C-alpha atoms as a PDB file:
ATOM      1  CA  MET A   1      21.851  -7.203  -3.864  1.00  0.00           C
ATOM      2  CA  TYR A   2      20.282  -3.542  -2.561  1.00  0.00           C
ATOM      3  CA  ASP A   3      21.290  -2.029   0.017  1.00  0.00           C
ATOM      4  CA  ILE A   4      17.513  -2.229   1.754  1.00  0.00           C
ATOM      5  CA  ALA A   5      14.603  -4.407   0.846  1.00  0.00           C
ATOM      6  CA  ILE A   6      11.605  -3.576   2.712  1.00  0.00           C
ATOM      7  CA  ILE A   7       8.422  -5.802   2.870  1.00  0.00           C
ATOM      8  CA  GLY A   8       5.447  -3.717   2.927  1.00  0.00           C
ATOM      9  CA  GLY A   9       4.046  -0.837   0.441  1.00  0.00           C
ATOM     10  CA  GLY A  10       1.899   1.087   3.299  1.00  0.00           C
ATOM     11  CA  ALA A  11       2.729   4.366   4.833  1.00  0.00           C
ATOM     12  CA  ALA A  12       5.450   3.056   7.202  1.00  0.00           C
ATOM     13  CA  GLY A  13       7.259   1.301   4.515  1.00  0.00           C
ATOM     14  CA  LEU A  14       7.158   4.168   1.481  1.00  0.00           C
ATOM     15  CA  THR A  15       8.058   6.682   4.553  1.00  0.00           C
ATOM     16  CA  ALA A  16      11.012   4.470   5.193  1.00  0.00           C
ATOM     17  CA  ALA A  17      11.978   4.014   1.352  1.00  0.00           C
ATOM     18  CA  LEU A  18      11.751   7.575   1.099  1.00  0.00           C
ATOM     19  CA  TYR A  19      14.310   8.283   4.269  1.00  0.00           C
ATOM     20  CA  ALA A  20      17.111   5.526   2.529  1.00  0.00           C
ATOM     21  CA  LEU A  21      16.733   7.232  -0.843  1.00  0.00           C
ATOM     22  CA  ARG A  22      17.467  10.329   0.384  1.00  0.00           C
ATOM     23  CA  ALA A  23      20.350   9.008   2.060  1.00  0.00           C
ATOM     24  CA  ASN A  24      21.405   7.162  -1.316  1.00  0.00           C
ATOM     25  CA  LYS A  25      20.658   4.177  -0.341  1.00  0.00           C
ATOM     26  CA  THR A  26      19.478   1.009  -3.178  1.00  0.00           C
ATOM     27  CA  VAL A  27      15.831   0.605  -2.180  1.00  0.00           C
ATOM     28  CA  LEU A  28      13.824  -2.404  -3.236  1.00  0.00           C
ATOM     29  CA  VAL A  29       9.645  -2.282  -2.090  1.00  0.00           C
ATOM     30  CA  ILE A  30       7.948  -5.421  -2.134  1.00  0.00           C
ATOM     31  CA  GLU A  31       4.245  -5.195  -2.006  1.00  0.00           C
ATOM     32  CA  LYS A  32       1.595  -8.187  -1.919  1.00  0.00           C
ATOM     33  CA  GLY A  33      -0.947  -6.312  -2.871  1.00  0.00           C
ATOM     34  CA  SER A  34      -1.728  -2.599  -3.844  1.00  0.00           C
ATOM     35  CA  PHE A  35       0.671   0.240  -2.811  1.00  0.00           C
ATOM     36  CA  GLY A  36      -0.627   2.260   0.160  1.00  0.00           C
ATOM     37  CA  GLY A  37      -2.011  -0.157   2.537  1.00  0.00           C
ATOM     38  CA  GLN A  38      -4.825   0.070   4.640  1.00  0.00           C
ATOM     39  CA  ILE A  39      -5.258   4.065   4.233  1.00  0.00           C
ATOM     40  CA  THR A  40      -6.185   3.586   0.663  1.00  0.00           C
ATOM     41  CA  PHE A  41      -9.737   2.386   2.150  1.00  0.00           C
ATOM     42  CA  SER A  42     -10.590   5.204   3.917  1.00  0.00           C
ATOM     43  CA  PRO A  43     -12.596   7.938   1.380  1.00  0.00           C
ATOM     44  CA  LEU A  44     -10.958  10.920   3.166  1.00  0.00           C
ATOM     45  CA  VAL A  45      -8.108  11.860   5.576  1.00  0.00           C
ATOM     46  CA  GLU A  46      -8.613  14.614   7.362  1.00  0.00           C
ATOM     47  CA  ASN A  47      -6.010  14.279  10.229  1.00  0.00           C
ATOM     48  CA  PHE A  48      -2.590  14.109   8.078  1.00  0.00           C
ATOM     49  CA  PRO A  49      -0.580  17.675   8.750  1.00  0.00           C
ATOM     50  CA  THR A  50      -0.265  19.836   5.696  1.00  0.00           C
ATOM     51  CA  ARG A  51      -3.499  19.031   3.878  1.00  0.00           C
ATOM     52  CA  ALA A  52      -7.055  20.102   5.279  1.00  0.00           C
ATOM     53  CA  SER A  53      -8.739  17.023   3.372  1.00  0.00           C
ATOM     54  CA  MET A  54      -7.844  14.311   0.860  1.00  0.00           C
ATOM     55  CA  SER A  55      -8.796  10.342   0.149  1.00  0.00           C
ATOM     56  CA  GLY A  56      -6.686   7.673   1.485  1.00  0.00           C
ATOM     57  CA  ALA A  57      -5.908   6.625  -2.123  1.00  0.00           C
ATOM     58  CA  GLU A  58      -4.534  10.158  -3.019  1.00  0.00           C
ATOM     59  CA  LEU A  59      -2.384  10.588  -0.189  1.00  0.00           C
ATOM     60  CA  ALA A  60      -1.067   6.991  -1.126  1.00  0.00           C
ATOM     61  CA  ASP A  61      -0.762   7.614  -4.829  1.00  0.00           C
ATOM     62  CA  ALA A  62       1.341  10.790  -3.889  1.00  0.00           C
ATOM     63  CA  LEU A  63       3.656   8.988  -1.668  1.00  0.00           C
ATOM     64  CA  THR A  64       4.291   6.104  -3.937  1.00  0.00           C
ATOM     65  CA  GLU A  65       5.366   8.579  -7.071  1.00  0.00           C
ATOM     66  CA  GLN A  66       7.607  10.367  -4.502  1.00  0.00           C
ATOM     67  CA  VAL A  67       9.266   7.232  -3.574  1.00  0.00           C
ATOM     68  CA  LEU A  68       9.351   6.005  -7.733  1.00  0.00           C
ATOM     69  CA  SER A  69      10.696   9.694  -8.609  1.00  0.00           C
ATOM     70  CA  LEU A  70      13.583   9.488  -6.209  1.00  0.00           C
ATOM     71  CA  GLY A  71      14.537   5.874  -7.790  1.00  0.00           C
ATOM     72  CA  ALA A  72      12.877   3.172  -5.691  1.00  0.00           C
ATOM     73  CA  GLU A  73      12.440  -0.283  -7.582  1.00  0.00           C
ATOM     74  CA  VAL A  74       9.299  -2.148  -6.840  1.00  0.00           C
ATOM     75  CA  GLU A  75       8.190  -5.779  -6.800  1.00  0.00           C
ATOM     76  CA  VAL A  76       4.680  -7.286  -6.604  1.00  0.00           C
ATOM     77  CA  ASP A  77       4.992 -10.519  -4.854  1.00  0.00           C
ATOM     78  CA  THR A  78       3.952 -12.385  -1.323  1.00  0.00           C
ATOM     79  CA  VAL A  79       6.887 -12.722   0.801  1.00  0.00           C
ATOM     80  CA  LEU A  80       7.367 -16.133   2.351  1.00  0.00           C
ATOM     81  CA  LYS A  81      10.221 -15.769   4.542  1.00  0.00           C
ATOM     82  CA  ILE A  82      13.870 -14.151   5.449  1.00  0.00           C
ATOM     83  CA  GLU A  83      16.841 -16.172   5.066  1.00  0.00           C
ATOM     84  CA  SER A  84      19.367 -14.290   7.161  1.00  0.00           C
ATOM     85  CA  THR A  85      23.298 -14.521   7.278  1.00  0.00           C
ATOM     86  CA  ASP A  86      25.833 -12.109   8.783  1.00  0.00           C
ATOM     87  CA  GLU A  87      26.640 -11.230   4.742  1.00  0.00           C
ATOM     88  CA  LYS A  88      23.221 -10.720   3.381  1.00  0.00           C
ATOM     89  CA  LYS A  89      19.339 -11.050   4.206  1.00  0.00           C
ATOM     90  CA  THR A  90      17.453 -13.181   1.177  1.00  0.00           C
ATOM     91  CA  VAL A  91      13.733 -11.867   1.134  1.00  0.00           C
ATOM     92  CA  VAL A  92      11.910 -14.939  -0.697  1.00  0.00           C
ATOM     93  CA  GLY A  93       9.111 -14.775  -2.327  1.00  0.00           C
ATOM     94  CA  GLU A  94       6.421 -16.939  -4.400  1.00  0.00           C
ATOM     95  CA  PHE A  95       7.756 -15.592  -7.638  1.00  0.00           C
ATOM     96  CA  GLY A  96      11.579 -14.700  -6.383  1.00  0.00           C
ATOM     97  CA  ARG A  97      14.055 -14.229  -4.283  1.00  0.00           C
ATOM     98  CA  TYR A  98      15.570 -10.748  -3.302  1.00  0.00           C
ATOM     99  CA  ASP A  99      19.103  -9.908  -1.669  1.00  0.00           C
ATOM    100  CA  ALA A 100      20.086  -7.238   0.454  1.00  0.00           C
ATOM    101  CA  LYS A 101      22.029  -6.120   3.006  1.00  0.00           C
ATOM    102  CA  ALA A 102      19.104  -4.802   5.708  1.00  0.00           C
ATOM    103  CA  VAL A 103      15.572  -5.463   5.850  1.00  0.00           C
ATOM    104  CA  ILE A 104      12.527  -3.429   7.153  1.00  0.00           C
ATOM    105  CA  ILE A 105       9.556  -5.199   7.713  1.00  0.00           C
ATOM    106  CA  ALA A 106       6.199  -2.929   7.739  1.00  0.00           C
ATOM    107  CA  THR A 107       3.581  -5.669   6.401  1.00  0.00           C
ATOM    108  CA  GLY A 108       1.076  -3.919   8.610  1.00  0.00           C
ATOM    109  CA  ALA A 109      -1.865  -5.420  10.729  1.00  0.00           C
ATOM    110  CA  LYS A 110      -5.277  -6.153   8.864  1.00  0.00           C
ATOM    111  CA  HIS A 111      -8.759  -5.368  10.767  1.00  0.00           C
ATOM    112  CA  ARG A 112     -10.321  -8.662  12.118  1.00  0.00           C
ATOM    113  CA  MET A 113     -13.338  -8.930   9.735  1.00  0.00           C
ATOM    114  CA  LEU A 114     -16.653 -10.644  10.705  1.00  0.00           C
ATOM    115  CA  GLY A 115     -16.557 -12.977   7.530  1.00  0.00           C
ATOM    116  CA  LEU A 116     -20.016 -12.057   6.093  1.00  0.00           C
ATOM    117  CA  PRO A 117     -20.700 -11.973   2.240  1.00  0.00           C
ATOM    118  CA  ASP A 118     -19.796  -8.790   0.546  1.00  0.00           C
ATOM    119  CA  GLU A 119     -18.126  -7.225   3.534  1.00  0.00           C
ATOM    120  CA  ASN A 120     -15.302  -5.882   1.653  1.00  0.00           C
ATOM    121  CA  ASP A 121     -17.536  -3.953  -0.569  1.00  0.00           C
ATOM    122  CA  PHE A 122     -19.218  -2.049   2.142  1.00  0.00           C
ATOM    123  CA  VAL A 123     -15.339  -1.108   3.331  1.00  0.00           C
ATOM    124  CA  GLY A 124     -15.079   2.966   3.350  1.00  0.00           C
ATOM    125  CA  GLU A 125     -18.870   2.345   1.995  1.00  0.00           C
ATOM    126  CA  GLY A 126     -20.793   2.162   5.413  1.00  0.00           C
ATOM    127  CA  ILE A 127     -17.892   0.121   7.375  1.00  0.00           C
ATOM    128  CA  SER A 128     -14.884   1.897   9.332  1.00  0.00           C
ATOM    129  CA  PHE A 129     -12.764   0.539  11.896  1.00  0.00           C
ATOM    130  CA  CYS A 130     -11.252   3.651  13.400  1.00  0.00           C
ATOM    131  CA  ALA A 131     -13.553   6.540  15.285  1.00  0.00           C
ATOM    132  CA  VAL A 132     -10.503   9.196  14.755  1.00  0.00           C
ATOM    133  CA  CYS A 133      -9.875   8.628  10.937  1.00  0.00           C
ATOM    134  CA  ASP A 134     -13.817   8.096  10.130  1.00  0.00           C
ATOM    135  CA  GLY A 135     -16.014   9.133  13.022  1.00  0.00           C
ATOM    136  CA  ALA A 136     -16.294  12.772  11.783  1.00  0.00           C
ATOM    137  CA  PHE A 137     -18.185  11.321   8.439  1.00  0.00           C
ATOM    138  CA  TYR A 138     -20.999  10.366  10.855  1.00  0.00           C
ATOM    139  CA  LYS A 139     -22.006  13.600  12.762  1.00  0.00           C
ATOM    140  CA  ASP A 140     -25.422  13.402  13.874  1.00  0.00           C
ATOM    141  CA  LYS A 141     -26.092  10.037  12.290  1.00  0.00           C
ATOM    142  CA  HIS A 142     -26.676   6.553  13.906  1.00  0.00           C
ATOM    143  CA  VAL A 143     -23.667   3.860  14.049  1.00  0.00           C
ATOM    144  CA  ALA A 144     -23.425   0.521  15.475  1.00  0.00           C
ATOM    145  CA  VAL A 145     -19.905  -0.484  16.890  1.00  0.00           C
ATOM    146  CA  ILE A 146     -19.221  -4.128  16.920  1.00  0.00           C
ATOM    147  CA  GLY A 147     -17.292  -5.654  19.910  1.00  0.00           C
ATOM    148  CA  GLY A 148     -17.074  -4.982  23.775  1.00  0.00           C
ATOM    149  CA  GLY A 149     -13.458  -4.388  24.342  1.00  0.00           C
ATOM    150  CA  ASN A 150     -11.576  -1.920  25.316  1.00  0.00           C
ATOM    151  CA  SER A 151     -10.936  -0.753  21.782  1.00  0.00           C
ATOM    152  CA  ALA A 152     -15.119  -1.481  20.744  1.00  0.00           C
ATOM    153  CA  LEU A 153     -15.590   1.052  24.090  1.00  0.00           C
ATOM    154  CA  GLN A 154     -13.551   3.671  23.402  1.00  0.00           C
ATOM    155  CA  GLU A 155     -14.142   3.837  19.605  1.00  0.00           C
ATOM    156  CA  ALA A 156     -18.049   3.877  20.990  1.00  0.00           C
ATOM    157  CA  LEU A 157     -16.943   7.009  23.806  1.00  0.00           C
ATOM    158  CA  LEU A 158     -15.411   8.836  20.787  1.00  0.00           C
ATOM    159  CA  LEU A 159     -18.264   8.387  18.336  1.00  0.00           C
ATOM    160  CA  SER A 160     -20.856   9.145  21.151  1.00  0.00           C
ATOM    161  CA  LYS A 161     -19.590  12.636  21.062  1.00  0.00           C
ATOM    162  CA  LEU A 162     -20.112  13.048  17.124  1.00  0.00           C
ATOM    163  CA  CYS A 163     -23.136  10.999  16.316  1.00  0.00           C
ATOM    164  CA  SER A 164     -27.151  10.701  17.770  1.00  0.00           C
ATOM    165  CA  LYS A 165     -26.912   7.497  18.601  1.00  0.00           C
ATOM    166  CA  VAL A 166     -24.509   4.580  19.191  1.00  0.00           C
ATOM    167  CA  THR A 167     -25.636   1.257  19.321  1.00  0.00           C
ATOM    168  CA  ILE A 168     -22.683  -1.722  20.821  1.00  0.00           C
ATOM    169  CA  VAL A 169     -23.168  -4.883  19.529  1.00  0.00           C
ATOM    170  CA  GLN A 170     -21.500  -7.733  22.017  1.00  0.00           C
ATOM    171  CA  ASN A 171     -21.500 -11.523  21.148  1.00  0.00           C
ATOM    172  CA  LEU A 172     -21.303 -12.190  24.865  1.00  0.00           C
ATOM    173  CA  ALA A 173     -23.720 -11.274  28.101  1.00  0.00           C
ATOM    174  CA  PHE A 174     -21.217  -9.074  29.399  1.00  0.00           C
ATOM    175  CA  LEU A 175     -18.891  -6.408  27.909  1.00  0.00           C
ATOM    176  CA  THR A 176     -15.324  -7.274  28.575  1.00  0.00           C
ATOM    177  CA  GLY A 177     -13.453  -3.550  28.428  1.00  0.00           C
ATOM    178  CA  GLU A 178     -12.279  -2.044  31.290  1.00  0.00           C
ATOM    179  CA  ASP A 179     -14.473  -1.086  34.423  1.00  0.00           C
ATOM    180  CA  LYS A 180     -13.787   2.640  34.329  1.00  0.00           C
ATOM    181  CA  LEU A 181     -14.846   2.342  30.373  1.00  0.00           C
ATOM    182  CA  GLN A 182     -17.966   0.523  31.183  1.00  0.00           C
ATOM    183  CA  GLU A 183     -19.158   3.198  33.807  1.00  0.00           C
ATOM    184  CA  GLN A 184     -18.464   6.163  31.020  1.00  0.00           C
ATOM    185  CA  ILE A 185     -20.614   3.739  28.622  1.00  0.00           C
ATOM    186  CA  ASN A 186     -23.496   3.586  30.955  1.00  0.00           C
ATOM    187  CA  ALA A 187     -23.509   6.910  31.684  1.00  0.00           C
ATOM    188  CA  ALA A 188     -23.713   8.181  28.109  1.00  0.00           C
ATOM    189  CA  ASP A 189     -27.221   9.234  27.189  1.00  0.00           C
ATOM    190  CA  ASN A 190     -26.694   8.206  23.076  1.00  0.00           C
ATOM    191  CA  ILE A 191     -24.756   4.459  23.876  1.00  0.00           C
ATOM    192  CA  SER A 192     -27.105   1.339  24.103  1.00  0.00           C
ATOM    193  CA  VAL A 193     -25.853  -1.932  24.701  1.00  0.00           C
ATOM    194  CA  ILE A 194     -27.329  -5.112  22.275  1.00  0.00           C
ATOM    195  CA  PHE A 195     -25.781  -8.356  24.295  1.00  0.00           C
ATOM    196  CA  GLU A 196     -25.455 -11.835  23.096  1.00  0.00           C
ATOM    197  CA  ALA A 197     -25.721 -10.845  19.631  1.00  0.00           C
ATOM    198  CA  THR A 198     -23.991 -11.435  16.402  1.00  0.00           C
ATOM    199  CA  VAL A 199     -24.189  -9.625  12.732  1.00  0.00           C
ATOM    200  CA  LYS A 200     -25.608 -12.041  10.275  1.00  0.00           C
ATOM    201  CA  GLU A 201     -26.715  -9.783   7.434  1.00  0.00           C
ATOM    202  CA  LEU A 202     -25.401  -6.622   5.764  1.00  0.00           C
ATOM    203  CA  VAL A 203     -28.143  -4.582   3.843  1.00  0.00           C
ATOM    204  CA  GLY A 204     -27.571  -2.142   1.453  1.00  0.00           C
ATOM    205  CA  ASP A 205     -26.834  -1.308  -2.520  1.00  0.00           C
ATOM    206  CA  SER A 206     -23.941   1.343  -2.683  1.00  0.00           C
ATOM    207  CA  SER A 207     -23.758   1.670   0.891  1.00  0.00           C
ATOM    208  CA  LEU A 208     -24.602   0.170   4.224  1.00  0.00           C
ATOM    209  CA  THR A 209     -28.164   1.350   5.852  1.00  0.00           C
ATOM    210  CA  ALA A 210     -28.658  -1.469   7.796  1.00  0.00           C
ATOM    211  CA  ILE A 211     -27.598  -4.917   9.546  1.00  0.00           C
ATOM    212  CA  VAL A 212     -29.563  -7.794  10.751  1.00  0.00           C
ATOM    213  CA  LEU A 213     -28.705  -9.537  14.034  1.00  0.00           C
ATOM    214  CA  ASN A 214     -28.909 -13.039  15.311  1.00  0.00           C
ATOM    215  CA  THR A 215     -29.807 -12.107  18.934  1.00  0.00           C
ATOM    216  CA  LYS A 216     -30.917 -14.396  22.136  1.00  0.00           C
ATOM    217  CA  ASP A 217     -34.462 -13.416  21.031  1.00  0.00           C
ATOM    218  CA  GLY A 218     -34.418 -14.164  17.229  1.00  0.00           C
ATOM    219  CA  GLU A 219     -33.569 -12.387  14.798  1.00  0.00           C
ATOM    220  CA  GLN A 220     -33.142  -8.385  15.071  1.00  0.00           C
ATOM    221  CA  LYS A 221     -32.994  -5.494  11.715  1.00  0.00           C
ATOM    222  CA  LEU A 222     -31.041  -2.409  12.856  1.00  0.00           C
ATOM    223  CA  GLU A 223     -31.396   0.424  10.573  1.00  0.00           C
ATOM    224  CA  LEU A 224     -28.075   2.385  10.909  1.00  0.00           C
ATOM    225  CA  ASP A 225     -25.961   4.810   8.682  1.00  0.00           C
ATOM    226  CA  GLY A 226     -22.491   3.314   9.560  1.00  0.00           C
ATOM    227  CA  MET A 227     -20.563   0.250  11.498  1.00  0.00           C
ATOM    228  CA  PHE A 228     -17.161   0.256  12.934  1.00  0.00           C
ATOM    229  CA  ILE A 229     -15.908  -3.027  13.360  1.00  0.00           C
ATOM    230  CA  ALA A 230     -13.476  -3.378  16.561  1.00  0.00           C
ATOM    231  CA  ILE A 231     -13.112  -6.860  17.087  1.00  0.00           C
ATOM    232  CA  GLY A 232      -9.033  -7.111  16.973  1.00  0.00           C
ATOM    233  CA  LEU A 233      -6.061  -6.714  14.574  1.00  0.00           C
ATOM    234  CA  ILE A 234      -4.271  -9.245  12.899  1.00  0.00           C
ATOM    235  CA  PRO A 235      -0.551  -8.186  12.881  1.00  0.00           C
ATOM    236  CA  GLN A 236       1.639  -9.866   9.543  1.00  0.00           C
ATOM    237  CA  ASN A 237       4.273 -11.196  10.966  1.00  0.00           C
ATOM    238  CA  GLU A 238       3.916 -15.007  10.869  1.00  0.00           C
ATOM    239  CA  ALA A 239       6.464 -15.152   8.294  1.00  0.00           C
ATOM    240  CA  PHE A 240       9.171 -13.682  10.407  1.00  0.00           C
ATOM    241  CA  SER A 241       8.597 -15.181  13.677  1.00  0.00           C
ATOM    242  CA  ASP A 242      11.948 -17.185  13.745  1.00  0.00           C
ATOM    243  CA  LEU A 243      13.645 -13.311  13.501  1.00  0.00           C
ATOM    244  CA  LEU A 244      11.607 -11.430  15.709  1.00  0.00           C
ATOM    245  CA  ASP A 245      10.556 -11.413  19.397  1.00  0.00           C
ATOM    246  CA  LEU A 246       6.398 -11.326  19.065  1.00  0.00           C
ATOM    247  CA  ASP A 247       4.371 -10.611  21.683  1.00  0.00           C
ATOM    248  CA  SER A 248       1.060 -12.630  22.933  1.00  0.00           C
ATOM    249  CA  TYR A 249      -1.030 -10.738  20.081  1.00  0.00           C
ATOM    250  CA  GLY A 250       1.453 -11.757  17.629  1.00  0.00           C
ATOM    251  CA  TYR A 251       3.341  -7.689  17.255  1.00  0.00           C
ATOM    252  CA  ALA A 252       7.093  -7.229  16.360  1.00  0.00           C
ATOM    253  CA  ASP A 253       8.795  -6.127  20.175  1.00  0.00           C
ATOM    254  CA  SER A 254      10.798  -3.946  19.142  1.00  0.00           C
ATOM    255  CA  ASP A 255      12.762  -0.827  20.886  1.00  0.00           C
ATOM    256  CA  GLU A 256      12.673   2.682  20.245  1.00  0.00           C
ATOM    257  CA  SER A 257      15.227   2.545  17.217  1.00  0.00           C
ATOM    258  CA  CYS A 258      12.722  -0.215  15.440  1.00  0.00           C
ATOM    259  CA  SER A 259      15.682  -2.295  15.891  1.00  0.00           C
ATOM    260  CA  THR A 260      14.783  -6.221  16.358  1.00  0.00           C
ATOM    261  CA  LYS A 261      16.631  -9.064  17.805  1.00  0.00           C
ATOM    262  CA  THR A 262      18.347  -9.965  14.242  1.00  0.00           C
ATOM    263  CA  GLN A 263      20.952  -7.707  13.096  1.00  0.00           C
ATOM    264  CA  GLY A 264      20.256  -5.413  10.261  1.00  0.00           C
ATOM    265  CA  VAL A 265      16.403  -6.593  10.442  1.00  0.00           C
ATOM    266  CA  TYR A 266      14.200  -3.818  11.445  1.00  0.00           C
ATOM    267  CA  VAL A 267      10.417  -3.029  11.871  1.00  0.00           C
ATOM    268  CA  ALA A 268       8.007  -0.560  11.163  1.00  0.00           C
ATOM    269  CA  GLY A 269       4.237   0.650  11.381  1.00  0.00           C
ATOM    270  CA  ASP A 270       1.014  -1.431  12.638  1.00  0.00           C
ATOM    271  CA  CYS A 271       3.106  -4.542  12.873  1.00  0.00           C
ATOM    272  CA  ARG A 272       5.077  -3.503  15.615  1.00  0.00           C
ATOM    273  CA  LYS A 273       3.957  -3.382  19.148  1.00  0.00           C
ATOM    274  CA  LYS A 274       3.040   0.160  20.007  1.00  0.00           C
ATOM    275  CA  SER A 275       0.224   2.205  21.811  1.00  0.00           C
ATOM    276  CA  VAL A 276      -0.983   4.357  18.988  1.00  0.00           C
ATOM    277  CA  ARG A 277      -1.860   3.204  15.370  1.00  0.00           C
ATOM    278  CA  GLN A 278      -2.295   5.983  12.961  1.00  0.00           C
ATOM    279  CA  LEU A 279      -1.066   7.302   9.468  1.00  0.00           C
ATOM    280  CA  THR A 280       1.043   9.758  11.238  1.00  0.00           C
ATOM    281  CA  THR A 281       2.548   7.049  13.423  1.00  0.00           C
ATOM    282  CA  ALA A 282       3.313   4.956  10.860  1.00  0.00           C
ATOM    283  CA  CYS A 283       5.003   7.295   8.511  1.00  0.00           C
ATOM    284  CA  ALA A 284       7.179   8.404  12.091  1.00  0.00           C
ATOM    285  CA  ASP A 285       8.043   4.284  12.359  1.00  0.00           C
ATOM    286  CA  GLY A 286       9.145   4.386   8.696  1.00  0.00           C
ATOM    287  CA  SER A 287      11.442   7.218   9.141  1.00  0.00           C
ATOM    288  CA  VAL A 288      13.090   5.765  12.438  1.00  0.00           C
ATOM    289  CA  ALA A 289      13.208   2.214  10.972  1.00  0.00           C
ATOM    290  CA  ALA A 290      14.972   3.861   7.544  1.00  0.00           C
ATOM    291  CA  LEU A 291      17.385   5.872   9.658  1.00  0.00           C
ATOM    292  CA  ALA A 292      18.832   2.786  11.889  1.00  0.00           C
ATOM    293  CA  ALA A 293      19.190   0.778   8.991  1.00  0.00           C
ATOM    294  CA  CYS A 294      21.537   3.392   7.415  1.00  0.00           C
ATOM    295  CA  ARG A 295      23.380   3.796  10.404  1.00  0.00           C
ATOM    296  CA  TYR A 296      23.504   0.011  10.187  1.00  0.00           C
ATOM    297  CA  LEU A 297      24.861  -0.242   6.645  1.00  0.00           C
ATOM    298  CA  ASP A 298      27.303   2.564   7.307  1.00  0.00           C
ATOM    299  CA  SER A 299      29.055   0.469  10.294  1.00  0.00           C
ATOM    300  CA  LEU A 300      29.214  -2.205   7.350  1.00  0.00           C
ATOM    301  CA  LYS A 301      32.089  -0.083   5.486  1.00  0.00           C
END
C-alpha cells in the first residue's frame, strides 16, 4: 500500500512525486512509456527557469534521477482503470494492480497528428507543436502551420514575428479562428494561407525539407524549414471518466487545488482543463496536486 500512486511520468507527475516524497510519503510512479513526457521531444528548452538552454531529454533525465534518489518506486505499465473505495484506490494496469491511499492522474495530452508515414520520425527534426517552445529555432526561415482554428492562428502570429515566411495550411475553405485573429493574420505581410489543402506527404531525410499538399487544384510541393501541427490535443483521460468530471473536449475539470469529484483522486498537468499548457504550468500543477493529496492523507490519521 503506497501513500500516493501517480499515473504519468511527465513533468507534472514527476514534480508531484518530488513534493510528495519531501513530505515523507511513499510514492509509486506508473508510466506507460518513457519518463519525461512530451518535453522529451523538444530538442532545446530555453524557457525554463535557472537554465539558459537544455534539451527536453536532459531535463527529463535530471528530474527522473532526482525523484528516484528520494526513494520513489516506478513501474512501467499501461493503466486501464482505477477502482476507488473509501479505504483505498487500486490502479489496475495491464501487468499489475497497485494499491494506494490517494492517486494523482498526470497522464497529459497528446498532440493530434496528421497520420502520415514517418511522421513521428520528424518530430523534433522539422515537426513541432509549440511556437513558444520551438519558434526561435526557425528565426528568419519559412515554416508552415497546419490548422485554421484559434490555436493555429495564434501559433502563426507568434511565428510571424520570428520567421521570414509563415504559410497556413487549412483543410477548409475558410479559417475557423476568431475574427480578431483572422484580421491580424490578414494584416501580416509574411503570412499566407492555402485553403482546401491537406498534407499528403512529408519530404526529407534526417530532417523535414518540404511537404506535398493535396489541394483543390492538384498536388503542390511546399519547400520549407519546419512545420507546426496545430489541429488539437487529445487528453488521456478516457480510462478515468467514471471518477472525473470531463469537459466537452475530454479534459478533467478540477478546482485550483487539482481536486476532483472523487475523494483522494487529483489531476495535474496537460490532462487538466486550463488556459496555458507549458512545462512550467505542468510542474506547478504537480506541486499543487501533491500538496493537496498530502493534506488529504494527513486528514485520515
